[in-house]
Amino acid sequence: MKKILLTALFALITVSAFSQAKKPTIMVMPSDAWCKANGFVTEIDNMGTKVYSPDYTAAMQGSMDLINVIAKLNDLMNDRGFPLQNLETVIKDINNTSAELALVEGKNGGSVVESLYDQVRNRAKADIIMQVTWDVVSVGPKKSVRYTLQGLDSYTNKQVAGANGTGEPSHEVDPAVLLAEAVEANMDAFVGRLQAHFDDMFANGREVSYLIRISDVWGNDLESDYDGYALSEILDDWFYDNTEGHRYNITDQSDTQMTLNQVRIPIFDERGRANDANRFIRDLVRYLKAEPFLIEDIKVLNQGLGRCVIILGEK
């Protein structure tokens, strides 16, 4: 009996330690709404339509409140054992390499079109973006803070956790302190939903998506025959064999394109590196370049951590 109890206790400790080691990496960022409300945006003319894009560099340089709020939320998450990426540090890294990117773009004769939001996500590779919106409300001589927290899967942009509310009126004037006091009551439930999402990823794989298209100069298509199988069938079989739990959905298919959503890939590759849509699909590219397919020209366009466009027959 004693041996059974010791074995059970050891198993419980092992499971507990293992679960504690598996926590998603978090990066706190201001929401688009907060950036717009506080004037930290850049205006882009998109074919006659004004589009506003958050300017995180200006926000981090121009708002001590934002820096303090991010620091306070980082403390709250760090106290709960979550690894963190710091937005200010990531932005500095991106700005420090901007000259190198300009040189690369100049050699190619074109430019790389990528929003700062995508650059931040791709550089940080955080599992969860913890997006925060807040404003301070005066209640007589006291102040309170209204807030919204959104936990976004950085690979899919899907919200996996949320919390909102209004804090108790206080004579405190620091928004970061007011926010910390306001979110404390909802933080455990918020964190629980984040962890549940991450546990699901460990059990069932990370979710990404792909669009496979055919170049108009290739001469073949997804119905081309290879040893009695259409190329579309071969692609279907490859994703079945290589996804976690054979989980993926083909949501659109024709002879010129195939759309795959909810594609579950391992969180880590065989070398223990964090997996993303681009890294996972390299094996498919090598597979299609080998016999009997010999599709030499394959272009992969990376659209963030969780999505790729694969163009067959194009360099």
C-alpha atoms as a PDB file:
ATOM      1  CA  MET A   1       0.000   0.000   0.000  1.00  0.00           C
ATOM      2  CA  LYS A   2       2.837   2.354   0.951  1.00  0.00           C
ATOM      3  CA  LYS A   3       4.550   1.637  -2.380  1.00  0.00           C
ATOM      4  CA  ILE A   4       1.356   2.413  -4.301  1.00  0.00           C
ATOM      5  CA  LEU A   5       0.934   5.726  -2.457  1.00  0.00           C
ATOM      6  CA  LEU A   6       4.548   6.705  -3.138  1.00  0.00           C
ATOM      7  CA  THR A   7       4.156   5.827  -6.831  1.00  0.00           C
ATOM      8  CA  ALA A   8       0.967   7.856  -7.081  1.00  0.00           C
ATOM      9  CA  LEU A   9       2.579  10.800  -5.306  1.00  0.00           C
ATOM     10  CA  PHE A  10       5.594  10.686  -7.645  1.00  0.00           C
ATOM     11  CA  ALA A  11       3.311  10.586 -10.686  1.00  0.00           C
ATOM     12  CA  LEU A  12       1.327  13.552  -9.361  1.00  0.00           C
ATOM     13  CA  ILE A  13       4.505  15.583  -8.770  1.00  0.00           C
ATOM     14  CA  THR A  14       5.828  14.681 -12.228  1.00  0.00           C
ATOM     15  CA  VAL A  15       2.592  15.693 -13.957  1.00  0.00           C
ATOM     16  CA  SER A  16       2.466  18.919 -11.929  1.00  0.00           C
ATOM     17  CA  ALA A  17       6.066  19.835 -12.773  1.00  0.00           C
ATOM     18  CA  PHE A  18       5.527  19.021 -16.442  1.00  0.00           C
ATOM     19  CA  SER A  19       2.400  21.144 -16.650  1.00  0.00           C
ATOM     20  CA  GLN A  20       4.158  24.059 -14.930  1.00  0.00           C
ATOM     21  CA  ALA A  21       6.923  23.908 -17.553  1.00  0.00           C
ATOM     22  CA  LYS A  22       4.421  24.272 -20.385  1.00  0.00           C
ATOM     23  CA  LYS A  23       3.318  27.868 -20.327  1.00  0.00           C
ATOM     24  CA  PRO A  24       2.776  30.076 -23.351  1.00  0.00           C
ATOM     25  CA  THR A  25       5.087  33.005 -24.010  1.00  0.00           C
ATOM     26  CA  ILE A  26       3.180  36.275 -23.594  1.00  0.00           C
ATOM     27  CA  MET A  27       3.701  39.697 -25.134  1.00  0.00           C
ATOM     28  CA  VAL A  28       1.596  42.638 -23.914  1.00  0.00           C
ATOM     29  CA  MET A  29       0.615  45.145 -26.605  1.00  0.00           C
ATOM     30  CA  PRO A  30      -1.753  48.122 -26.779  1.00  0.00           C
ATOM     31  CA  SER A  31      -4.859  47.550 -28.874  1.00  0.00           C
ATOM     32  CA  ASP A  32      -5.494  49.320 -32.172  1.00  0.00           C
ATOM     33  CA  ALA A  33      -8.349  51.202 -30.470  1.00  0.00           C
ATOM     34  CA  TRP A  34      -6.054  52.543 -27.734  1.00  0.00           C
ATOM     35  CA  CYS A  35      -3.416  53.610 -30.288  1.00  0.00           C
ATOM     36  CA  LYS A  36      -6.048  55.410 -32.393  1.00  0.00           C
ATOM     37  CA  ALA A  37      -7.655  57.111 -29.379  1.00  0.00           C
ATOM     38  CA  ASN A  38      -4.253  58.389 -28.232  1.00  0.00           C
ATOM     39  CA  GLY A  39      -2.966  59.469 -31.642  1.00  0.00           C
ATOM     40  CA  PHE A  40      -0.306  56.780 -32.071  1.00  0.00           C
ATOM     41  CA  VAL A  41      -1.186  55.773 -35.619  1.00  0.00           C
ATOM     42  CA  THR A  42       0.061  56.313 -39.135  1.00  0.00           C
ATOM     43  CA  GLU A  43      -2.356  57.068 -41.951  1.00  0.00           C
ATOM     44  CA  ILE A  44      -2.133  55.007 -45.126  1.00  0.00           C
ATOM     45  CA  ASP A  45      -3.976  55.723 -48.378  1.00  0.00           C
ATOM     46  CA  ASN A  46      -5.283  52.341 -49.512  1.00  0.00           C
ATOM     47  CA  MET A  47      -6.661  53.040 -52.988  1.00  0.00           C
ATOM     48  CA  GLY A  48      -8.470  56.154 -51.814  1.00  0.00           C
ATOM     49  CA  THR A  49      -9.516  54.759 -48.451  1.00  0.00           C
ATOM     50  CA  LYS A  50      -7.819  56.016 -45.305  1.00  0.00           C
ATOM     51  CA  VAL A  51      -6.436  53.171 -43.208  1.00  0.00           C
ATOM     52  CA  TYR A  52      -4.867  53.688 -39.801  1.00  0.00           C
ATOM     53  CA  SER A  53      -2.023  51.496 -38.650  1.00  0.00           C
ATOM     54  CA  PRO A  54      -0.765  51.484 -35.028  1.00  0.00           C
ATOM     55  CA  ASP A  55       2.603  53.180 -34.555  1.00  0.00           C
ATOM     56  CA  TYR A  56       4.072  51.213 -31.656  1.00  0.00           C
ATOM     57  CA  THR A  57       7.397  53.033 -31.824  1.00  0.00           C
ATOM     58  CA  ALA A  58       5.705  56.398 -31.284  1.00  0.00           C
ATOM     59  CA  ALA A  59       3.496  54.911 -28.565  1.00  0.00           C
ATOM     60  CA  MET A  60       6.420  53.485 -26.593  1.00  0.00           C
ATOM     61  CA  GLN A  61       8.377  56.727 -26.947  1.00  0.00           C
ATOM     62  CA  GLY A  62       5.443  59.045 -26.282  1.00  0.00           C
ATOM     63  CA  SER A  63       3.443  57.438 -23.476  1.00  0.00           C
ATOM     64  CA  MET A  64       4.913  56.709 -20.060  1.00  0.00           C
ATOM     65  CA  ASP A  65       1.457  55.441 -19.088  1.00  0.00           C
ATOM     66  CA  LEU A  66       1.735  52.718 -21.739  1.00  0.00           C
ATOM     67  CA  ILE A  67       5.221  51.719 -20.590  1.00  0.00           C
ATOM     68  CA  ASN A  68       4.010  51.538 -16.975  1.00  0.00           C
ATOM     69  CA  VAL A  69       0.869  49.570 -17.893  1.00  0.00           C
ATOM     70  CA  ILE A  70       2.876  47.031 -19.898  1.00  0.00           C
ATOM     71  CA  ALA A  71       5.397  46.711 -17.071  1.00  0.00           C
ATOM     72  CA  LYS A  72       2.605  46.159 -14.521  1.00  0.00           C
ATOM     73  CA  LEU A  73       0.853  43.535 -16.656  1.00  0.00           C
ATOM     74  CA  ASN A  74       4.210  41.858 -17.286  1.00  0.00           C
ATOM     75  CA  ASP A  75       4.673  41.669 -13.508  1.00  0.00           C
ATOM     76  CA  LEU A  76       1.235  40.105 -13.044  1.00  0.00           C
ATOM     77  CA  MET A  77       1.940  37.453 -15.694  1.00  0.00           C
ATOM     78  CA  ASN A  78       5.485  36.849 -14.472  1.00  0.00           C
ATOM     79  CA  ASP A  79       4.150  36.261 -10.945  1.00  0.00           C
ATOM     80  CA  ARG A  80       2.017  33.483 -12.446  1.00  0.00           C
ATOM     81  CA  GLY A  81       5.018  31.852 -14.113  1.00  0.00           C
ATOM     82  CA  PHE A  82       4.501  32.951 -17.719  1.00  0.00           C
ATOM     83  CA  PRO A  83       7.583  33.664 -19.880  1.00  0.00           C
ATOM     84  CA  LEU A  84       7.437  37.112 -21.459  1.00  0.00           C
ATOM     85  CA  GLN A  85       8.535  39.046 -24.508  1.00  0.00           C
ATOM     86  CA  ASN A  86       8.826  42.791 -23.987  1.00  0.00           C
ATOM     87  CA  LEU A  87       7.297  44.975 -26.706  1.00  0.00           C
ATOM     88  CA  GLU A  88       9.780  47.840 -26.259  1.00  0.00           C
ATOM     89  CA  THR A  89      12.760  45.496 -26.627  1.00  0.00           C
ATOM     90  CA  VAL A  90      11.308  43.848 -29.730  1.00  0.00           C
ATOM     91  CA  ILE A  91      10.644  47.230 -31.358  1.00  0.00           C
ATOM     92  CA  LYS A  92      14.214  48.332 -30.649  1.00  0.00           C
ATOM     93  CA  ASP A  93      15.514  45.147 -32.297  1.00  0.00           C
ATOM     94  CA  ILE A  94      13.364  45.800 -35.371  1.00  0.00           C
ATOM     95  CA  ASN A  95      14.494  49.419 -35.634  1.00  0.00           C
ATOM     96  CA  ASN A  96      18.138  48.397 -35.258  1.00  0.00           C
ATOM     97  CA  THR A  97      17.864  46.105 -38.281  1.00  0.00           C
ATOM     98  CA  SER A  98      15.866  48.506 -40.465  1.00  0.00           C
ATOM     99  CA  ALA A  99      19.015  49.680 -42.274  1.00  0.00           C
ATOM    100  CA  GLU A 100      19.881  46.095 -43.202  1.00  0.00           C
ATOM    101  CA  LEU A 101      16.374  45.544 -44.551  1.00  0.00           C
ATOM    102  CA  ALA A 102      16.656  48.717 -46.608  1.00  0.00           C
ATOM    103  CA  LEU A 103      19.859  47.411 -48.186  1.00  0.00           C
ATOM    104  CA  VAL A 104      18.199  44.104 -49.086  1.00  0.00           C
ATOM    105  CA  GLU A 105      15.187  45.873 -50.561  1.00  0.00           C
ATOM    106  CA  GLY A 106      17.422  48.169 -52.575  1.00  0.00           C
ATOM    107  CA  LYS A 107      19.277  45.255 -54.169  1.00  0.00           C
ATOM    108  CA  ASN A 108      16.018  43.653 -55.215  1.00  0.00           C
ATOM    109  CA  GLY A 109      14.677  46.859 -56.665  1.00  0.00           C
ATOM    110  CA  GLY A 110      11.500  46.615 -54.607  1.00  0.00           C
ATOM    111  CA  SER A 111      10.278  46.786 -51.055  1.00  0.00           C
ATOM    112  CA  VAL A 112       8.999  44.350 -48.481  1.00  0.00           C
ATOM    113  CA  VAL A 113       5.443  45.259 -47.484  1.00  0.00           C
ATOM    114  CA  GLU A 114       4.941  44.218 -43.872  1.00  0.00           C
ATOM    115  CA  SER A 115       3.109  46.038 -41.124  1.00  0.00           C
ATOM    116  CA  LEU A 116       4.895  46.809 -37.873  1.00  0.00           C
ATOM    117  CA  TYR A 117       2.380  44.563 -36.127  1.00  0.00           C
ATOM    118  CA  ASP A 118       3.460  41.623 -38.302  1.00  0.00           C
ATOM    119  CA  GLN A 119       7.126  42.495 -37.816  1.00  0.00           C
ATOM    120  CA  VAL A 120       6.657  42.516 -34.042  1.00  0.00           C
ATOM    121  CA  ARG A 121       4.839  39.184 -34.042  1.00  0.00           C
ATOM    122  CA  ASN A 122       7.366  37.529 -36.329  1.00  0.00           C
ATOM    123  CA  ARG A 123      10.336  38.805 -34.329  1.00  0.00           C
ATOM    124  CA  ALA A 124       8.933  38.017 -30.877  1.00  0.00           C
ATOM    125  CA  LYS A 125       7.323  34.668 -31.783  1.00  0.00           C
ATOM    126  CA  ALA A 126       5.186  34.934 -28.657  1.00  0.00           C
ATOM    127  CA  ASP A 127       2.455  32.322 -28.368  1.00  0.00           C
ATOM    128  CA  ILE A 128      -0.100  34.802 -27.051  1.00  0.00           C
ATOM    129  CA  ILE A 129      -0.565  38.508 -27.699  1.00  0.00           C
ATOM    130  CA  MET A 130      -2.093  40.047 -24.585  1.00  0.00           C
ATOM    131  CA  GLN A 131      -3.854  43.088 -26.020  1.00  0.00           C
ATOM    132  CA  VAL A 132      -4.878  45.846 -23.610  1.00  0.00           C
ATOM    133  CA  THR A 133      -7.267  48.778 -23.933  1.00  0.00           C
ATOM    134  CA  TRP A 134      -7.981  51.190 -21.084  1.00  0.00           C
ATOM    135  CA  ASP A 135      -9.100  54.660 -20.205  1.00  0.00           C
ATOM    136  CA  VAL A 136      -9.302  56.551 -16.922  1.00  0.00           C
ATOM    137  CA  VAL A 137     -12.697  57.792 -15.730  1.00  0.00           C
ATOM    138  CA  SER A 138     -13.161  60.537 -13.135  1.00  0.00           C
ATOM    139  CA  VAL A 139     -15.683  59.778 -10.400  1.00  0.00           C
ATOM    140  CA  GLY A 140     -15.857  63.000  -8.378  1.00  0.00           C
ATOM    141  CA  PRO A 141     -12.450  63.488  -6.744  1.00  0.00           C
ATOM    142  CA  LYS A 142     -11.567  59.857  -7.405  1.00  0.00           C
ATOM    143  CA  LYS A 143     -10.578  57.983 -10.554  1.00  0.00           C
ATOM    144  CA  SER A 144     -11.224  54.506 -11.892  1.00  0.00           C
ATOM    145  CA  VAL A 145     -10.082  52.650 -14.971  1.00  0.00           C
ATOM    146  CA  ARG A 146     -12.138  50.865 -17.605  1.00  0.00           C
ATOM    147  CA  TYR A 147     -10.236  48.096 -19.318  1.00  0.00           C
ATOM    148  CA  THR A 148     -10.433  45.270 -21.825  1.00  0.00           C
ATOM    149  CA  LEU A 149      -7.903  42.452 -22.035  1.00  0.00           C
ATOM    150  CA  GLN A 150      -7.810  40.127 -25.023  1.00  0.00           C
ATOM    151  CA  GLY A 151      -5.632  37.059 -25.288  1.00  0.00           C
ATOM    152  CA  LEU A 152      -4.977  36.469 -29.004  1.00  0.00           C
ATOM    153  CA  ASP A 153      -3.316  33.421 -30.503  1.00  0.00           C
ATOM    154  CA  SER A 154      -0.480  35.133 -32.382  1.00  0.00           C
ATOM    155  CA  TYR A 155      -0.561  32.495 -35.136  1.00  0.00           C
ATOM    156  CA  THR A 156      -4.270  32.781 -35.967  1.00  0.00           C
ATOM    157  CA  ASN A 157      -5.305  36.116 -34.385  1.00  0.00           C
ATOM    158  CA  LYS A 158      -8.203  34.243 -32.756  1.00  0.00           C
ATOM    159  CA  GLN A 159      -9.226  35.452 -29.321  1.00  0.00           C
ATOM    160  CA  VAL A 160      -8.739  32.662 -26.780  1.00  0.00           C
ATOM    161  CA  ALA A 161      -9.305  34.637 -23.565  1.00  0.00           C
ATOM    162  CA  GLY A 162     -10.882  37.917 -22.568  1.00  0.00           C
ATOM    163  CA  ALA A 163     -11.656  40.061 -19.560  1.00  0.00           C
ATOM    164  CA  ASN A 164     -13.139  43.515 -19.082  1.00  0.00           C
ATOM    165  CA  GLY A 165     -14.490  45.691 -16.323  1.00  0.00           C
ATOM    166  CA  THR A 166     -14.185  48.887 -14.344  1.00  0.00           C
ATOM    167  CA  GLY A 167     -12.086  49.237 -11.223  1.00  0.00           C
ATOM    168  CA  GLU A 168     -13.187  50.691  -7.910  1.00  0.00           C
ATOM    169  CA  PRO A 169     -12.861  54.497  -7.618  1.00  0.00           C
ATOM    170  CA  SER A 170      -9.589  55.484  -5.985  1.00  0.00           C
ATOM    171  CA  HIS A 171      -7.469  58.525  -5.165  1.00  0.00           C
ATOM    172  CA  GLU A 172      -4.614  56.780  -7.006  1.00  0.00           C
ATOM    173  CA  VAL A 173      -3.615  58.668 -10.181  1.00  0.00           C
ATOM    174  CA  ASP A 174      -1.244  56.187 -11.828  1.00  0.00           C
ATOM    175  CA  PRO A 175      -3.195  54.334 -14.588  1.00  0.00           C
ATOM    176  CA  ALA A 176      -0.901  51.319 -14.269  1.00  0.00           C
ATOM    177  CA  VAL A 177      -1.733  50.906 -10.589  1.00  0.00           C
ATOM    178  CA  LEU A 178      -5.446  51.463 -11.229  1.00  0.00           C
ATOM    179  CA  LEU A 179      -5.368  48.885 -14.025  1.00  0.00           C
ATOM    180  CA  ALA A 180      -3.544  46.313 -11.931  1.00  0.00           C
ATOM    181  CA  GLU A 181      -6.091  46.735  -9.138  1.00  0.00           C
ATOM    182  CA  ALA A 182      -8.977  46.478 -11.610  1.00  0.00           C
ATOM    183  CA  VAL A 183      -7.811  43.349 -13.437  1.00  0.00           C
ATOM    184  CA  GLU A 184      -6.699  41.428 -10.349  1.00  0.00           C
ATOM    185  CA  ALA A 185     -10.184  40.040  -9.735  1.00  0.00           C
ATOM    186  CA  ASN A 186     -10.459  38.626 -13.271  1.00  0.00           C
ATOM    187  CA  MET A 187      -6.833  37.669 -13.831  1.00  0.00           C
ATOM    188  CA  ASP A 188      -6.996  34.068 -12.622  1.00  0.00           C
ATOM    189  CA  ALA A 189      -9.919  33.235 -14.923  1.00  0.00           C
ATOM    190  CA  PHE A 190      -8.181  35.010 -17.817  1.00  0.00           C
ATOM    191  CA  VAL A 191      -4.932  33.123 -17.187  1.00  0.00           C
ATOM    192  CA  GLY A 192      -6.847  29.854 -16.875  1.00  0.00           C
ATOM    193  CA  ARG A 193      -8.299  30.278 -20.362  1.00  0.00           C
ATOM    194  CA  LEU A 194      -4.867  31.104 -21.794  1.00  0.00           C
ATOM    195  CA  GLN A 195      -3.406  27.989 -20.217  1.00  0.00           C
ATOM    196  CA  ALA A 196      -6.293  25.827 -21.415  1.00  0.00           C
ATOM    197  CA  HIS A 197      -5.679  27.027 -24.974  1.00  0.00           C
ATOM    198  CA  PHE A 198      -1.979  26.276 -24.712  1.00  0.00           C
ATOM    199  CA  ASP A 199      -2.630  22.836 -23.200  1.00  0.00           C
ATOM    200  CA  ASP A 200      -4.882  22.109 -26.174  1.00  0.00           C
ATOM    201  CA  MET A 201      -2.050  23.103 -28.528  1.00  0.00           C
ATOM    202  CA  PHE A 202       0.326  20.726 -26.768  1.00  0.00           C
ATOM    203  CA  ALA A 203      -2.190  17.910 -27.013  1.00  0.00           C
ATOM    204  CA  ASN A 204      -3.525  18.580 -30.508  1.00  0.00           C
ATOM    205  CA  GLY A 205      -0.987  20.801 -32.265  1.00  0.00           C
ATOM    206  CA  ARG A 206      -0.730  24.478 -33.145  1.00  0.00           C
ATOM    207  CA  GLU A 207      -3.228  25.842 -35.661  1.00  0.00           C
ATOM    208  CA  VAL A 208      -2.038  27.348 -38.970  1.00  0.00           C
ATOM    209  CA  SER A 209      -3.423  27.749 -42.492  1.00  0.00           C
ATOM    210  CA  TYR A 210      -2.254  27.453 -46.091  1.00  0.00           C
ATOM    211  CA  LEU A 211      -3.299  28.579 -49.548  1.00  0.00           C
ATOM    212  CA  ILE A 212      -1.858  26.478 -52.375  1.00  0.00           C
ATOM    213  CA  ARG A 213      -2.071  28.102 -55.801  1.00  0.00           C
ATOM    214  CA  ILE A 214      -0.963  27.240 -59.323  1.00  0.00           C
ATOM    215  CA  SER A 215       1.166  29.614 -61.386  1.00  0.00           C
ATOM    216  CA  ASP A 216      -0.494  30.553 -64.676  1.00  0.00           C
ATOM    217  CA  VAL A 217       2.764  29.752 -66.506  1.00  0.00           C
ATOM    218  CA  TRP A 218       3.335  26.304 -65.026  1.00  0.00           C
ATOM    219  CA  GLY A 219       1.349  24.187 -67.463  1.00  0.00           C
ATOM    220  CA  ASN A 220       0.078  21.750 -64.815  1.00  0.00           C
ATOM    221  CA  ASP A 221      -2.606  22.049 -62.149  1.00  0.00           C
ATOM    222  CA  LEU A 222      -3.990  20.243 -59.100  1.00  0.00           C
ATOM    223  CA  GLU A 223      -5.695  17.663 -61.308  1.00  0.00           C
ATOM    224  CA  SER A 224      -2.435  16.667 -63.018  1.00  0.00           C
ATOM    225  CA  ASP A 225      -1.824  12.916 -62.773  1.00  0.00           C
ATOM    226  CA  TYR A 226       1.101  11.365 -60.894  1.00  0.00           C
ATOM    227  CA  ASP A 227       1.129   7.566 -60.952  1.00  0.00           C
ATOM    228  CA  GLY A 228      -2.652   7.426 -61.040  1.00  0.00           C
ATOM    229  CA  TYR A 229      -3.269  10.087 -58.380  1.00  0.00           C
ATOM    230  CA  ALA A 230      -4.279  13.695 -58.906  1.00  0.00           C
ATOM    231  CA  LEU A 231      -1.912  16.210 -57.329  1.00  0.00           C
ATOM    232  CA  SER A 232      -4.768  17.387 -55.096  1.00  0.00           C
ATOM    233  CA  GLU A 233      -5.106  13.840 -53.706  1.00  0.00           C
ATOM    234  CA  ILE A 234      -1.366  13.662 -53.097  1.00  0.00           C
ATOM    235  CA  LEU A 235      -1.454  16.956 -51.173  1.00  0.00           C
ATOM    236  CA  ASP A 236      -4.441  15.748 -49.162  1.00  0.00           C
ATOM    237  CA  ASP A 237      -2.575  12.557 -48.246  1.00  0.00           C
ATOM    238  CA  TRP A 238       0.567  14.481 -47.258  1.00  0.00           C
ATOM    239  CA  PHE A 239      -1.334  16.692 -44.828  1.00  0.00           C
ATOM    240  CA  TYR A 240      -3.133  13.640 -43.432  1.00  0.00           C
ATOM    241  CA  ASP A 241       0.200  11.912 -42.786  1.00  0.00           C
ATOM    242  CA  ASN A 242       2.014  14.910 -41.301  1.00  0.00           C
ATOM    243  CA  THR A 243      -0.498  16.879 -39.226  1.00  0.00           C
ATOM    244  CA  GLU A 244      -1.104  16.277 -35.527  1.00  0.00           C
ATOM    245  CA  GLY A 245      -3.969  13.830 -35.177  1.00  0.00           C
ATOM    246  CA  HIS A 246      -4.608  14.128 -38.945  1.00  0.00           C
ATOM    247  CA  ARG A 247      -6.438  17.375 -38.158  1.00  0.00           C
ATOM    248  CA  TYR A 248      -6.935  19.870 -41.010  1.00  0.00           C
ATOM    249  CA  ASN A 249      -9.789  21.155 -43.153  1.00  0.00           C
ATOM    250  CA  ILE A 250      -9.803  21.680 -46.908  1.00  0.00           C
ATOM    251  CA  THR A 251     -12.284  24.532 -47.140  1.00  0.00           C
ATOM    252  CA  ASP A 252     -11.942  25.375 -50.823  1.00  0.00           C
ATOM    253  CA  GLN A 253     -10.569  23.414 -53.762  1.00  0.00           C
ATOM    254  CA  SER A 254     -10.440  23.708 -57.536  1.00  0.00           C
ATOM    255  CA  ASP A 255      -7.976  22.726 -60.217  1.00  0.00           C
ATOM    256  CA  THR A 256      -5.960  25.906 -59.556  1.00  0.00           C
ATOM    257  CA  GLN A 257      -6.040  26.355 -55.775  1.00  0.00           C
ATOM    258  CA  MET A 258      -6.565  24.630 -52.442  1.00  0.00           C
ATOM    259  CA  THR A 259      -7.283  26.336 -49.119  1.00  0.00           C
ATOM    260  CA  LEU A 260      -6.440  24.525 -45.884  1.00  0.00           C
ATOM    261  CA  ASN A 261      -7.542  25.897 -42.517  1.00  0.00           C
ATOM    262  CA  GLN A 262      -7.285  24.640 -38.931  1.00  0.00           C
ATOM    263  CA  VAL A 263      -4.138  22.749 -39.900  1.00  0.00           C
ATOM    264  CA  ARG A 264      -2.666  21.354 -36.673  1.00  0.00           C
ATOM    265  CA  ILE A 265       1.128  21.178 -36.650  1.00  0.00           C
ATOM    266  CA  PRO A 266       3.523  20.125 -33.854  1.00  0.00           C
ATOM    267  CA  ILE A 267       4.446  22.998 -31.520  1.00  0.00           C
ATOM    268  CA  PHE A 268       8.129  22.067 -31.924  1.00  0.00           C
ATOM    269  CA  ASP A 269       9.969  20.582 -34.885  1.00  0.00           C
ATOM    270  CA  GLU A 270      12.251  17.533 -34.669  1.00  0.00           C
ATOM    271  CA  ARG A 271      15.116  19.758 -33.452  1.00  0.00           C
ATOM    272  CA  GLY A 272      13.060  21.277 -30.655  1.00  0.00           C
ATOM    273  CA  ARG A 273      12.601  24.635 -32.389  1.00  0.00           C
ATOM    274  CA  ALA A 274       9.298  26.493 -32.162  1.00  0.00           C
ATOM    275  CA  ASN A 275       7.279  25.518 -35.217  1.00  0.00           C
ATOM    276  CA  ASP A 276       5.415  27.897 -37.492  1.00  0.00           C
ATOM    277  CA  ALA A 277       3.586  27.640 -40.806  1.00  0.00           C
ATOM    278  CA  ASN A 278       6.698  28.319 -42.870  1.00  0.00           C
ATOM    279  CA  ARG A 279       8.974  25.881 -41.043  1.00  0.00           C
ATOM    280  CA  PHE A 280       6.403  23.076 -41.139  1.00  0.00           C
ATOM    281  CA  ILE A 281       5.780  23.353 -44.880  1.00  0.00           C
ATOM    282  CA  ARG A 282       9.461  22.971 -45.845  1.00  0.00           C
ATOM    283  CA  ASP A 283       9.093  19.182 -45.834  1.00  0.00           C
ATOM    284  CA  LEU A 284       6.214  19.415 -48.309  1.00  0.00           C
ATOM    285  CA  VAL A 285       8.335  21.609 -50.602  1.00  0.00           C
ATOM    286  CA  ARG A 286      11.176  19.052 -50.516  1.00  0.00           C
ATOM    287  CA  TYR A 287       8.659  16.254 -51.087  1.00  0.00           C
ATOM    288  CA  LEU A 288       7.229  17.911 -54.217  1.00  0.00           C
ATOM    289  CA  LYS A 289      10.675  18.689 -55.626  1.00  0.00           C
ATOM    290  CA  ALA A 290      11.663  15.013 -55.456  1.00  0.00           C
ATOM    291  CA  GLU A 291      10.554  12.195 -57.741  1.00  0.00           C
ATOM    292  CA  PRO A 292       8.047  11.437 -59.086  1.00  0.00           C
ATOM    293  CA  PHE A 293       6.781  15.048 -58.967  1.00  0.00           C
ATOM    294  CA  LEU A 294       9.964  17.018 -59.776  1.00  0.00           C
ATOM    295  CA  ILE A 295       8.223  20.354 -59.279  1.00  0.00           C
ATOM    296  CA  GLU A 296      11.356  22.482 -59.202  1.00  0.00           C
ATOM    297  CA  ASP A 297       9.760  25.921 -59.054  1.00  0.00           C
ATOM    298  CA  ILE A 298       7.881  26.446 -55.784  1.00  0.00           C
ATOM    299  CA  LYS A 299       7.483  29.839 -54.129  1.00  0.00           C
ATOM    300  CA  VAL A 300       6.474  30.111 -50.464  1.00  0.00           C
ATOM    301  CA  LEU A 301       5.128  33.479 -49.336  1.00  0.00           C
ATOM    302  CA  ASN A 302       5.215  33.864 -45.578  1.00  0.00           C
ATOM    303  CA  GLN A 303       2.196  35.785 -44.260  1.00  0.00           C
ATOM    304  CA  GLY A 304       2.973  35.857 -40.565  1.00  0.00           C
ATOM    305  CA  LEU A 305       3.623  33.016 -38.150  1.00  0.00           C
ATOM    306  CA  GLY A 306       0.464  31.109 -38.951  1.00  0.00           C
ATOM    307  CA  ARG A 307      -0.150  31.377 -42.690  1.00  0.00           C
ATOM    308  CA  CYS A 308       1.706  30.685 -45.952  1.00  0.00           C
ATOM    309  CA  VAL A 309       0.827  30.930 -49.617  1.00  0.00           C
ATOM    310  CA  ILE A 310       2.477  28.199 -51.717  1.00  0.00           C
ATOM    311  CA  ILE A 311       2.648  28.844 -55.449  1.00  0.00           C
ATOM    312  CA  LEU A 312       3.470  25.789 -57.567  1.00  0.00           C
ATOM    313  CA  GLY A 313       5.308  26.440 -60.828  1.00  0.00           C
ATOM    314  CA  GLU A 314       6.656  29.875 -59.859  1.00  0.00           C
ATOM    315  CA  LYS A 315      10.219  30.772 -58.894  1.00  0.00           C
END
